[in-house]
Amino acid sequence: MAAPHLSGVTALIKSAHPTWSPAVIKSAIMTTADASLTDETGTPTSYFAVGAGLVDAAKAIDPGLVYGTSPEEYIPYLYGLGYTDEQVNRIIYPAPAIHCTEMENTKAKDLDTPSIMVALTEDGPAVTVRRTVTNVGPARSVYRVDVSAPDGVSITVVPGELQFDEVNQKASFVVTMERAPGSALESEIWGNFGGAARVGVRRACRA
């Protein structure tokens, strides 16, 4: 039943913001969802059980910041997943044909989406990613970083505060995730469904 519910929420957001793209609407739904959920035993649920969380349609209409991944950004991402020229050109048809040699592949972690997934391994205990957000809230707004990291992982976000003076103004930040020495390896962390972290921004003031 998630599909019809989300379709309705999407239609509601689109009616309020006719110019928003599917990627922006998806971002609004994900970043305003309530992740503080519990299962039938009262235990907090993991990211792998609830995804971004319980959708809040009222908040999704006013998300403040959004990730606006463009269709063009998905092309190098598809190549990064191993798609061939023939497969990618079938997907983008009737756009002009392209070739993988014409662009640098995008790794999954680097696609500018609301979610981030990385593997912290023994050989690669630290990973850094960059994200860009667009202000769709009040013109003069300030947002501060809010981080919740699992045990054994440290997360640093730079800058820790984003300031905006205009609507549709963009700003970028860098997230570095590092596994502490001696902590569980990537396979153990994800195998136990305990490796999910939340890196969000909360509105500090409105003017």
N, C-alpha and C. Protein backbone atom coordinates (compact mmCIF):
# COMPACT_ATOMS: atom_id res chain seq x y z
N MET A 1 0.82 -1.22 0.00
CA MET A 1 0.00 0.00 0.00
C MET A 1 0.85 1.27 0.00
N ALA A 2 2.16 1.12 0.05
CA ALA A 2 2.99 2.34 0.06
C ALA A 2 2.87 3.12 -1.23
N ALA A 3 2.80 2.41 -2.38
CA ALA A 3 2.77 3.09 -3.67
C ALA A 3 1.59 4.05 -3.83
N PRO A 4 0.34 3.61 -3.57
CA PRO A 4 -0.78 4.56 -3.73
C PRO A 4 -0.72 5.71 -2.74
N HIS A 5 -0.26 5.43 -1.52
CA HIS A 5 -0.16 6.51 -0.54
C HIS A 5 0.85 7.56 -1.00
N LEU A 6 2.03 7.10 -1.45
CA LEU A 6 3.06 8.03 -1.91
C LEU A 6 2.63 8.75 -3.18
N SER A 7 1.88 8.07 -4.02
CA SER A 7 1.36 8.73 -5.23
C SER A 7 0.45 9.89 -4.85
N GLY A 8 -0.39 9.67 -3.84
CA GLY A 8 -1.27 10.74 -3.38
C GLY A 8 -0.49 11.89 -2.78
N VAL A 9 0.52 11.57 -1.97
CA VAL A 9 1.35 12.62 -1.37
C VAL A 9 2.08 13.40 -2.46
N THR A 10 2.57 12.67 -3.46
CA THR A 10 3.27 13.32 -4.57
C THR A 10 2.35 14.29 -5.31
N ALA A 11 1.11 13.86 -5.55
CA ALA A 11 0.14 14.73 -6.22
C ALA A 11 -0.16 15.97 -5.38
N LEU A 12 -0.22 15.80 -4.07
CA LEU A 12 -0.46 16.92 -3.17
C LEU A 12 0.68 17.93 -3.25
N ILE A 13 1.92 17.43 -3.21
CA ILE A 13 3.08 18.32 -3.28
C ILE A 13 3.15 19.01 -4.64
N LYS A 14 2.88 18.26 -5.70
CA LYS A 14 2.93 18.82 -7.05
C LYS A 14 1.90 19.93 -7.23
N SER A 15 0.74 19.78 -6.61
CA SER A 15 -0.29 20.82 -6.71
C SER A 15 0.15 22.10 -6.00
N ALA A 16 0.92 21.93 -4.92
CA ALA A 16 1.42 23.10 -4.18
C ALA A 16 2.64 23.72 -4.84
N HIS A 17 3.44 22.87 -5.53
CA HIS A 17 4.67 23.33 -6.17
C HIS A 17 4.73 22.76 -7.59
N PRO A 18 4.01 23.36 -8.54
CA PRO A 18 3.91 22.79 -9.90
C PRO A 18 5.24 22.67 -10.64
N THR A 19 6.22 23.49 -10.28
CA THR A 19 7.49 23.47 -11.01
C THR A 19 8.50 22.47 -10.44
N TRP A 20 8.18 21.82 -9.32
CA TRP A 20 9.14 20.89 -8.71
C TRP A 20 9.28 19.63 -9.56
N SER A 21 10.50 19.18 -9.70
CA SER A 21 10.79 17.97 -10.46
C SER A 21 10.50 16.73 -9.60
N PRO A 22 10.44 15.55 -10.23
CA PRO A 22 10.27 14.32 -9.44
C PRO A 22 11.36 14.14 -8.39
N ALA A 23 12.61 14.51 -8.73
CA ALA A 23 13.71 14.36 -7.77
C ALA A 23 13.52 15.27 -6.57
N VAL A 24 13.06 16.49 -6.80
CA VAL A 24 12.84 17.43 -5.70
C VAL A 24 11.69 16.95 -4.81
N ILE A 25 10.63 16.44 -5.43
CA ILE A 25 9.49 15.93 -4.65
C ILE A 25 9.92 14.72 -3.81
N LYS A 26 10.70 13.84 -4.41
CA LYS A 26 11.20 12.68 -3.67
C LYS A 26 12.05 13.14 -2.49
N SER A 27 12.91 14.13 -2.71
CA SER A 27 13.74 14.66 -1.64
C SER A 27 12.89 15.23 -0.52
N ALA A 28 11.86 15.99 -0.87
CA ALA A 28 10.99 16.59 0.15
C ALA A 28 10.32 15.52 1.00
N ILE A 29 9.89 14.44 0.37
CA ILE A 29 9.23 13.35 1.11
C ILE A 29 10.22 12.66 2.04
N MET A 30 11.43 12.39 1.55
CA MET A 30 12.41 11.64 2.34
C MET A 30 12.94 12.44 3.52
N THR A 31 13.29 13.70 3.29
CA THR A 31 13.97 14.48 4.33
C THR A 31 13.04 14.97 5.43
N THR A 32 11.73 14.91 5.21
CA THR A 32 10.78 15.34 6.25
C THR A 32 10.09 14.16 6.92
N ALA A 33 10.43 12.92 6.52
CA ALA A 33 9.79 11.74 7.11
C ALA A 33 10.21 11.56 8.57
N ASP A 34 9.35 10.93 9.33
CA ASP A 34 9.62 10.66 10.75
C ASP A 34 10.31 9.31 10.89
N ALA A 35 11.58 9.36 11.31
CA ALA A 35 12.37 8.12 11.43
C ALA A 35 12.36 7.56 12.85
N SER A 36 11.69 8.23 13.78
CA SER A 36 11.68 7.77 15.17
C SER A 36 10.53 6.79 15.38
N LEU A 37 10.65 5.63 14.73
CA LEU A 37 9.58 4.64 14.79
C LEU A 37 10.02 3.42 15.59
N THR A 38 9.06 2.67 16.08
CA THR A 38 9.36 1.43 16.81
C THR A 38 8.60 0.28 16.16
N ASP A 39 9.11 -0.94 16.41
CA ASP A 39 8.43 -2.12 15.87
C ASP A 39 7.36 -2.59 16.85
N GLU A 40 6.82 -3.79 16.59
CA GLU A 40 5.72 -4.29 17.42
C GLU A 40 6.13 -4.56 18.86
N THR A 41 7.45 -4.64 19.12
CA THR A 41 7.92 -4.89 20.48
C THR A 41 8.31 -3.60 21.20
N GLY A 42 8.20 -2.46 20.49
CA GLY A 42 8.58 -1.19 21.08
C GLY A 42 10.04 -0.85 20.88
N THR A 43 10.77 -1.70 20.12
CA THR A 43 12.18 -1.45 19.86
C THR A 43 12.33 -0.50 18.67
N PRO A 44 13.22 0.49 18.77
CA PRO A 44 13.43 1.40 17.64
C PRO A 44 13.78 0.62 16.37
N THR A 45 13.14 0.94 15.27
CA THR A 45 13.38 0.25 14.01
C THR A 45 14.64 0.76 13.34
N SER A 46 15.22 -0.06 12.48
CA SER A 46 16.42 0.33 11.77
C SER A 46 16.06 0.96 10.43
N TYR A 47 17.04 1.62 9.84
CA TYR A 47 16.84 2.23 8.53
C TYR A 47 16.43 1.18 7.49
N PHE A 48 16.94 -0.03 7.65
CA PHE A 48 16.66 -1.08 6.68
C PHE A 48 15.23 -1.57 6.79
N ALA A 49 14.56 -1.29 7.89
CA ALA A 49 13.17 -1.71 8.06
C ALA A 49 12.18 -0.63 7.62
N VAL A 50 12.55 0.64 7.78
CA VAL A 50 11.59 1.72 7.51
C VAL A 50 12.05 2.69 6.43
N GLY A 51 13.26 2.51 5.90
CA GLY A 51 13.73 3.46 4.89
C GLY A 51 13.92 4.84 5.49
N ALA A 52 13.42 5.86 4.81
CA ALA A 52 13.57 7.23 5.31
C ALA A 52 12.65 7.48 6.50
N GLY A 53 11.60 6.66 6.66
CA GLY A 53 10.70 6.84 7.79
C GLY A 53 9.25 6.94 7.36
N LEU A 54 8.40 7.40 8.28
CA LEU A 54 6.97 7.55 8.04
C LEU A 54 6.72 8.90 7.37
N VAL A 55 6.07 8.88 6.22
CA VAL A 55 5.85 10.10 5.44
C VAL A 55 4.96 11.08 6.20
N ASP A 56 5.35 12.36 6.15
CA ASP A 56 4.56 13.43 6.75
C ASP A 56 4.23 14.41 5.63
N ALA A 57 3.03 14.29 5.06
CA ALA A 57 2.66 15.08 3.89
C ALA A 57 2.70 16.59 4.16
N ALA A 58 2.26 17.00 5.35
CA ALA A 58 2.24 18.43 5.66
C ALA A 58 3.66 19.01 5.68
N LYS A 59 4.60 18.28 6.27
CA LYS A 59 5.98 18.76 6.31
C LYS A 59 6.63 18.69 4.93
N ALA A 60 6.25 17.70 4.14
CA ALA A 60 6.86 17.54 2.83
C ALA A 60 6.56 18.70 1.90
N ILE A 61 5.47 19.40 2.13
CA ILE A 61 5.13 20.56 1.31
C ILE A 61 6.08 21.71 1.60
N ASP A 62 6.65 21.74 2.80
CA ASP A 62 7.58 22.81 3.20
C ASP A 62 8.85 22.19 3.76
N PRO A 63 9.69 21.57 2.91
CA PRO A 63 10.88 20.87 3.40
C PRO A 63 12.05 21.77 3.73
N GLY A 64 12.01 23.00 3.28
CA GLY A 64 13.12 23.93 3.54
C GLY A 64 14.25 23.76 2.55
N LEU A 65 14.89 22.60 2.57
CA LEU A 65 15.99 22.30 1.65
C LEU A 65 15.65 21.06 0.84
N VAL A 66 16.11 21.03 -0.41
CA VAL A 66 15.86 19.85 -1.25
C VAL A 66 17.12 19.50 -2.04
N TYR A 67 17.20 18.23 -2.41
CA TYR A 67 18.26 17.73 -3.29
C TYR A 67 17.63 17.58 -4.68
N GLY A 68 18.10 18.35 -5.64
CA GLY A 68 17.47 18.37 -6.96
C GLY A 68 18.29 17.66 -8.01
N THR A 69 18.47 16.36 -7.88
CA THR A 69 19.26 15.60 -8.85
C THR A 69 18.63 15.71 -10.24
N SER A 70 19.42 16.12 -11.22
CA SER A 70 18.90 16.29 -12.58
C SER A 70 18.96 14.97 -13.34
N PRO A 71 18.13 14.82 -14.39
CA PRO A 71 18.18 13.59 -15.20
C PRO A 71 19.57 13.34 -15.78
N GLU A 72 20.27 14.42 -16.15
CA GLU A 72 21.61 14.29 -16.74
C GLU A 72 22.61 13.69 -15.76
N GLU A 73 22.40 13.92 -14.46
CA GLU A 73 23.32 13.38 -13.46
C GLU A 73 23.22 11.86 -13.34
N TYR A 74 22.10 11.31 -13.77
CA TYR A 74 21.93 9.86 -13.68
C TYR A 74 22.69 9.10 -14.76
N ILE A 75 23.05 9.79 -15.84
CA ILE A 75 23.73 9.10 -16.94
C ILE A 75 25.10 8.59 -16.51
N PRO A 76 26.01 9.43 -15.96
CA PRO A 76 27.28 8.88 -15.49
C PRO A 76 27.11 7.92 -14.33
N TYR A 77 26.00 8.05 -13.59
CA TYR A 77 25.71 7.11 -12.50
C TYR A 77 25.40 5.72 -13.07
N LEU A 78 24.63 5.68 -14.16
CA LEU A 78 24.33 4.40 -14.80
C LEU A 78 25.60 3.74 -15.31
N TYR A 79 26.50 4.54 -15.87
CA TYR A 79 27.77 3.98 -16.31
C TYR A 79 28.57 3.46 -15.13
N GLY A 80 28.48 4.17 -13.99
CA GLY A 80 29.17 3.72 -12.79
C GLY A 80 28.64 2.40 -12.27
N LEU A 81 27.37 2.11 -12.58
CA LEU A 81 26.77 0.83 -12.17
C LEU A 81 27.11 -0.30 -13.13
N GLY A 82 27.76 0.05 -14.25
CA GLY A 82 28.17 -0.98 -15.19
C GLY A 82 27.30 -1.10 -16.43
N TYR A 83 26.37 -0.17 -16.63
CA TYR A 83 25.55 -0.22 -17.84
C TYR A 83 26.42 0.06 -19.07
N THR A 84 26.06 -0.54 -20.19
CA THR A 84 26.79 -0.34 -21.44
C THR A 84 26.24 0.85 -22.20
N ASP A 85 26.97 1.28 -23.24
CA ASP A 85 26.49 2.37 -24.08
C ASP A 85 25.11 2.05 -24.64
N GLU A 86 24.94 0.83 -25.13
CA GLU A 86 23.67 0.44 -25.73
C GLU A 86 22.53 0.54 -24.73
N GLN A 87 22.77 0.06 -23.50
CA GLN A 87 21.72 0.09 -22.48
C GLN A 87 21.37 1.52 -22.08
N VAL A 88 22.39 2.35 -21.88
CA VAL A 88 22.15 3.74 -21.48
C VAL A 88 21.42 4.49 -22.58
N ASN A 89 21.82 4.31 -23.82
CA ASN A 89 21.18 5.02 -24.92
C ASN A 89 19.73 4.59 -25.12
N ARG A 90 19.42 3.34 -24.77
CA ARG A 90 18.02 2.91 -24.82
C ARG A 90 17.20 3.64 -23.75
N ILE A 91 17.82 3.84 -22.60
CA ILE A 91 17.12 4.51 -21.49
C ILE A 91 16.86 5.98 -21.83
N ILE A 92 17.84 6.67 -22.40
CA ILE A 92 17.71 8.11 -22.63
C ILE A 92 17.07 8.45 -23.97
N TYR A 93 16.83 7.45 -24.82
CA TYR A 93 16.20 7.71 -26.12
C TYR A 93 14.87 8.46 -25.92
N PRO A 94 14.56 9.49 -26.73
CA PRO A 94 15.16 9.88 -28.01
C PRO A 94 16.25 10.94 -27.92
N ALA A 95 16.84 11.13 -26.75
CA ALA A 95 17.96 12.07 -26.66
C ALA A 95 19.12 11.56 -27.51
N PRO A 96 20.02 12.46 -27.93
CA PRO A 96 21.17 12.03 -28.76
C PRO A 96 22.00 10.97 -28.06
N ALA A 97 22.52 10.03 -28.83
CA ALA A 97 23.32 8.94 -28.27
C ALA A 97 24.61 9.48 -27.67
N ILE A 98 25.07 8.85 -26.60
CA ILE A 98 26.30 9.25 -25.93
C ILE A 98 27.19 8.03 -25.74
N HIS A 99 28.43 8.26 -25.30
CA HIS A 99 29.38 7.17 -25.10
C HIS A 99 30.05 7.36 -23.75
N CYS A 100 30.35 6.25 -23.07
CA CYS A 100 30.92 6.30 -21.73
C CYS A 100 32.27 7.01 -21.70
N THR A 101 32.99 6.98 -22.84
CA THR A 101 34.31 7.63 -22.88
C THR A 101 34.20 9.15 -22.84
N GLU A 102 32.98 9.67 -23.01
CA GLU A 102 32.78 11.11 -23.05
C GLU A 102 32.61 11.71 -21.66
N MET A 103 32.49 10.87 -20.64
CA MET A 103 32.23 11.40 -19.30
C MET A 103 32.86 10.52 -18.23
N GLU A 104 33.03 11.12 -17.07
CA GLU A 104 33.57 10.39 -15.92
C GLU A 104 32.43 9.72 -15.18
N ASN A 105 32.60 8.45 -14.85
CA ASN A 105 31.55 7.70 -14.17
C ASN A 105 31.31 8.24 -12.76
N THR A 106 30.06 8.16 -12.31
CA THR A 106 29.69 8.59 -10.97
C THR A 106 29.44 7.37 -10.10
N LYS A 107 30.12 7.28 -8.97
CA LYS A 107 29.87 6.19 -8.04
C LYS A 107 28.55 6.43 -7.31
N ALA A 108 27.95 5.33 -6.84
CA ALA A 108 26.65 5.44 -6.17
C ALA A 108 26.68 6.42 -5.01
N LYS A 109 27.76 6.43 -4.25
CA LYS A 109 27.85 7.31 -3.08
C LYS A 109 27.89 8.78 -3.45
N ASP A 110 28.27 9.07 -4.70
CA ASP A 110 28.45 10.46 -5.12
C ASP A 110 27.26 11.05 -5.85
N LEU A 111 26.23 10.25 -6.11
CA LEU A 111 25.03 10.79 -6.73
C LEU A 111 24.35 11.71 -5.72
N ASP A 112 23.99 12.91 -6.16
CA ASP A 112 23.51 13.95 -5.25
C ASP A 112 22.05 13.70 -4.83
N THR A 113 21.87 12.72 -3.95
CA THR A 113 20.54 12.35 -3.47
C THR A 113 20.45 12.55 -1.96
N PRO A 114 19.24 12.51 -1.37
CA PRO A 114 19.10 12.69 0.08
C PRO A 114 19.75 11.60 0.91
N SER A 115 19.96 10.41 0.33
CA SER A 115 20.53 9.31 1.09
C SER A 115 21.98 9.07 0.68
N ILE A 116 22.74 8.52 1.62
CA ILE A 116 24.15 8.20 1.39
C ILE A 116 24.39 6.78 1.89
N MET A 117 25.00 5.95 1.07
CA MET A 117 25.40 4.62 1.53
C MET A 117 26.85 4.39 1.16
N VAL A 118 27.65 4.03 2.15
CA VAL A 118 29.07 3.77 1.93
C VAL A 118 29.46 2.49 2.65
N ALA A 119 30.57 1.92 2.23
CA ALA A 119 31.13 0.74 2.88
C ALA A 119 32.41 1.15 3.58
N LEU A 120 32.44 1.01 4.90
CA LEU A 120 33.64 1.32 5.68
C LEU A 120 34.36 0.02 5.96
N THR A 121 35.41 -0.24 5.20
CA THR A 121 36.13 -1.51 5.28
C THR A 121 37.48 -1.33 5.96
N GLU A 122 38.16 -2.44 6.15
CA GLU A 122 39.48 -2.38 6.77
C GLU A 122 40.46 -1.63 5.88
N ASP A 123 40.33 -1.82 4.57
CA ASP A 123 41.22 -1.13 3.64
C ASP A 123 40.78 0.31 3.36
N GLY A 124 39.52 0.58 3.56
CA GLY A 124 39.00 1.93 3.35
C GLY A 124 38.14 2.36 4.51
N PRO A 125 38.73 2.70 5.66
CA PRO A 125 37.96 3.00 6.87
C PRO A 125 37.29 4.36 6.86
N ALA A 126 37.62 5.23 5.89
CA ALA A 126 37.03 6.56 5.84
C ALA A 126 36.56 6.87 4.41
N VAL A 127 35.39 7.49 4.31
CA VAL A 127 34.83 7.85 3.02
C VAL A 127 34.27 9.27 3.12
N THR A 128 34.51 10.06 2.08
CA THR A 128 34.03 11.43 2.04
C THR A 128 33.11 11.62 0.83
N VAL A 129 31.98 12.27 1.05
CA VAL A 129 31.05 12.55 -0.04
C VAL A 129 30.63 14.02 0.02
N ARG A 130 30.15 14.53 -1.09
CA ARG A 130 29.71 15.92 -1.19
C ARG A 130 28.25 15.94 -1.59
N ARG A 131 27.48 16.83 -0.98
CA ARG A 131 26.09 17.01 -1.33
C ARG A 131 25.77 18.50 -1.52
N THR A 132 24.81 18.76 -2.41
CA THR A 132 24.38 20.14 -2.68
C THR A 132 22.87 20.22 -2.46
N VAL A 133 22.44 21.24 -1.73
CA VAL A 133 21.02 21.43 -1.44
C VAL A 133 20.57 22.79 -1.98
N THR A 134 19.27 22.89 -2.22
CA THR A 134 18.66 24.13 -2.71
C THR A 134 17.64 24.62 -1.69
N ASN A 135 17.68 25.90 -1.40
CA ASN A 135 16.76 26.49 -0.44
C ASN A 135 15.41 26.77 -1.10
N VAL A 136 14.38 26.07 -0.66
CA VAL A 136 13.03 26.32 -1.15
C VAL A 136 12.14 26.85 -0.01
N GLY A 137 12.78 27.21 1.10
CA GLY A 137 12.07 27.77 2.24
C GLY A 137 12.17 29.29 2.21
N PRO A 138 12.07 29.92 3.37
CA PRO A 138 12.21 31.39 3.43
C PRO A 138 13.54 31.84 2.85
N ALA A 139 13.54 33.02 2.24
CA ALA A 139 14.76 33.52 1.59
C ALA A 139 15.92 33.59 2.58
N ARG A 140 15.70 34.20 3.72
CA ARG A 140 16.75 34.32 4.74
C ARG A 140 16.58 33.19 5.76
N SER A 141 17.39 32.17 5.62
CA SER A 141 17.27 30.99 6.47
C SER A 141 18.63 30.50 6.91
N VAL A 142 18.66 29.86 8.06
CA VAL A 142 19.87 29.24 8.58
C VAL A 142 19.55 27.82 8.98
N TYR A 143 20.41 26.88 8.57
CA TYR A 143 20.23 25.47 8.91
C TYR A 143 21.49 24.94 9.58
N ARG A 144 21.31 24.16 10.63
CA ARG A 144 22.44 23.58 11.34
C ARG A 144 22.39 22.06 11.23
N VAL A 145 23.58 21.47 11.16
CA VAL A 145 23.71 20.03 10.97
C VAL A 145 23.27 19.27 12.22
N ASP A 146 22.60 18.16 12.01
CA ASP A 146 22.18 17.28 13.10
C ASP A 146 22.61 15.86 12.72
N VAL A 147 23.52 15.27 13.50
CA VAL A 147 24.11 13.98 13.15
C VAL A 147 23.78 12.94 14.21
N SER A 148 23.39 11.75 13.74
CA SER A 148 23.21 10.60 14.62
C SER A 148 23.99 9.44 14.01
N ALA A 149 25.08 9.06 14.65
CA ALA A 149 25.97 8.04 14.08
C ALA A 149 25.91 6.76 14.89
N PRO A 150 26.06 5.61 14.23
CA PRO A 150 26.08 4.33 14.95
C PRO A 150 27.37 4.16 15.73
N ASP A 151 27.39 3.26 16.66
CA ASP A 151 28.60 2.99 17.44
C ASP A 151 29.73 2.58 16.51
N GLY A 152 30.91 3.09 16.79
CA GLY A 152 32.08 2.70 16.02
C GLY A 152 32.31 3.53 14.78
N VAL A 153 31.45 4.51 14.53
CA VAL A 153 31.58 5.35 13.34
C VAL A 153 31.51 6.82 13.75
N SER A 154 32.45 7.61 13.27
CA SER A 154 32.41 9.05 13.50
C SER A 154 32.03 9.74 12.20
N ILE A 155 31.22 10.78 12.30
CA ILE A 155 30.75 11.52 11.12
C ILE A 155 31.02 13.00 11.32
N THR A 156 31.68 13.60 10.33
CA THR A 156 31.99 15.02 10.36
C THR A 156 31.36 15.69 9.16
N VAL A 157 30.70 16.82 9.39
CA VAL A 157 30.06 17.57 8.31
C VAL A 157 30.63 18.98 8.28
N VAL A 158 31.11 19.41 7.11
CA VAL A 158 31.69 20.74 6.93
C VAL A 158 31.04 21.42 5.72
N PRO A 159 30.50 22.64 5.89
CA PRO A 159 30.39 23.37 7.15
C PRO A 159 29.25 22.83 8.01
N GLY A 160 29.25 23.20 9.28
CA GLY A 160 28.22 22.73 10.18
C GLY A 160 26.97 23.58 10.16
N GLU A 161 27.01 24.66 9.38
CA GLU A 161 25.87 25.57 9.28
C GLU A 161 25.76 26.10 7.87
N LEU A 162 24.55 26.15 7.34
CA LEU A 162 24.30 26.68 6.00
C LEU A 162 23.43 27.92 6.12
N GLN A 163 23.84 29.00 5.50
CA GLN A 163 23.09 30.25 5.53
C GLN A 163 22.62 30.61 4.12
N PHE A 164 21.37 31.03 4.02
CA PHE A 164 20.80 31.39 2.72
C PHE A 164 20.20 32.79 2.79
N ASP A 165 20.31 33.50 1.67
CA ASP A 165 19.74 34.85 1.56
C ASP A 165 18.69 34.95 0.46
N GLU A 166 18.56 33.88 -0.33
CA GLU A 166 17.62 33.90 -1.44
C GLU A 166 16.92 32.55 -1.58
N VAL A 167 15.73 32.59 -2.15
CA VAL A 167 15.03 31.35 -2.51
C VAL A 167 15.72 30.76 -3.74
N ASN A 168 15.83 29.44 -3.77
CA ASN A 168 16.50 28.69 -4.85
C ASN A 168 18.03 28.85 -4.83
N GLN A 169 18.56 29.44 -3.77
CA GLN A 169 20.02 29.52 -3.61
C GLN A 169 20.55 28.14 -3.24
N LYS A 170 21.70 27.78 -3.79
CA LYS A 170 22.31 26.47 -3.54
C LYS A 170 23.49 26.59 -2.57
N ALA A 171 23.75 25.53 -1.84
CA ALA A 171 24.90 25.45 -0.94
C ALA A 171 25.34 24.00 -0.86
N SER A 172 26.63 23.80 -0.66
CA SER A 172 27.17 22.44 -0.60
C SER A 172 27.82 22.17 0.75
N PHE A 173 27.88 20.89 1.10
CA PHE A 173 28.57 20.48 2.32
C PHE A 173 29.23 19.14 2.07
N VAL A 174 30.23 18.83 2.89
CA VAL A 174 31.01 17.61 2.74
C VAL A 174 30.82 16.75 3.98
N VAL A 175 30.54 15.47 3.78
CA VAL A 175 30.34 14.53 4.88
C VAL A 175 31.46 13.50 4.86
N THR A 176 32.16 13.36 5.99
CA THR A 176 33.21 12.36 6.12
C THR A 176 32.80 11.35 7.17
N MET A 177 32.76 10.08 6.78
CA MET A 177 32.40 8.98 7.68
C MET A 177 33.62 8.11 7.90
N GLU A 178 33.94 7.83 9.15
CA GLU A 178 35.15 7.07 9.46
C GLU A 178 34.87 6.00 10.50
N ARG A 179 35.37 4.80 10.22
CA ARG A 179 35.21 3.69 11.16
C ARG A 179 36.32 3.75 12.20
N ALA A 180 35.94 3.62 13.44
CA ALA A 180 36.93 3.65 14.52
C ALA A 180 37.78 2.39 14.49
N PRO A 181 39.08 2.49 14.79
CA PRO A 181 39.94 1.30 14.82
C PRO A 181 39.40 0.25 15.78
N GLY A 182 39.37 -0.99 15.33
CA GLY A 182 38.91 -2.07 16.19
C GLY A 182 37.41 -2.28 16.19
N SER A 183 36.65 -1.41 15.52
CA SER A 183 35.20 -1.58 15.49
C SER A 183 34.83 -2.62 14.45
N ALA A 184 33.55 -2.99 14.41
CA ALA A 184 33.09 -4.04 13.50
C ALA A 184 33.37 -3.68 12.06
N LEU A 185 33.73 -4.69 11.27
CA LEU A 185 33.96 -4.47 9.86
C LEU A 185 32.64 -4.23 9.15
N GLU A 186 32.74 -3.75 7.92
CA GLU A 186 31.55 -3.42 7.14
C GLU A 186 30.57 -4.58 7.07
N SER A 187 31.05 -5.80 6.83
CA SER A 187 30.15 -6.94 6.70
C SER A 187 29.41 -7.22 8.00
N GLU A 188 30.09 -7.01 9.13
CA GLU A 188 29.45 -7.24 10.42
C GLU A 188 28.43 -6.14 10.72
N ILE A 189 28.79 -4.89 10.37
CA ILE A 189 27.90 -3.78 10.65
C ILE A 189 26.59 -3.93 9.90
N TRP A 190 26.68 -4.12 8.56
CA TRP A 190 25.46 -4.21 7.77
C TRP A 190 24.74 -5.53 8.03
N GLY A 191 25.47 -6.58 8.32
CA GLY A 191 24.84 -7.86 8.59
C GLY A 191 23.97 -7.83 9.83
N ASN A 192 24.34 -6.97 10.78
CA ASN A 192 23.55 -6.84 12.00
C ASN A 192 22.54 -5.71 11.92
N PHE A 193 22.41 -5.11 10.74
CA PHE A 193 21.48 -4.01 10.53
C PHE A 193 21.68 -2.90 11.55
N GLY A 194 22.92 -2.64 11.88
CA GLY A 194 23.17 -1.57 12.85
C GLY A 194 24.00 -0.45 12.30
N GLY A 195 24.20 -0.39 10.98
CA GLY A 195 25.11 0.60 10.42
C GLY A 195 24.47 1.83 9.86
N ALA A 196 23.20 2.08 10.16
CA ALA A 196 22.54 3.24 9.59
C ALA A 196 22.81 4.49 10.42
N ALA A 197 23.05 5.59 9.73
CA ALA A 197 23.26 6.87 10.39
C ALA A 197 22.33 7.90 9.76
N ARG A 198 22.07 8.95 10.49
CA ARG A 198 21.26 10.04 9.95
C ARG A 198 22.08 11.32 10.00
N VAL A 199 22.17 11.98 8.86
CA VAL A 199 22.83 13.28 8.77
C VAL A 199 21.81 14.23 8.18
N GLY A 200 21.26 15.08 9.01
CA GLY A 200 20.23 16.00 8.54
C GLY A 200 20.56 17.44 8.87
N VAL A 201 19.73 18.34 8.38
CA VAL A 201 19.89 19.75 8.72
C VAL A 201 18.57 20.23 9.29
N ARG A 202 18.64 20.96 10.38
CA ARG A 202 17.42 21.47 10.98
C ARG A 202 17.40 22.99 10.88
N ARG A 203 16.23 23.51 10.62
CA ARG A 203 16.07 24.95 10.45
C ARG A 203 16.30 25.64 11.78
N ALA A 204 17.27 26.55 11.81
CA ALA A 204 17.61 27.22 13.06
C ALA A 204 16.81 28.51 13.24
N CYS A 205 16.48 29.18 12.14
CA CYS A 205 15.71 30.40 12.26
C CYS A 205 15.06 30.72 10.92
N ARG A 206 14.04 31.55 11.00
CA ARG A 206 13.36 32.00 9.79
C ARG A 206 13.19 33.50 9.89
N ALA A 207 13.40 34.18 8.79
CA ALA A 207 13.28 35.63 8.81
C ALA A 207 12.42 36.10 7.62
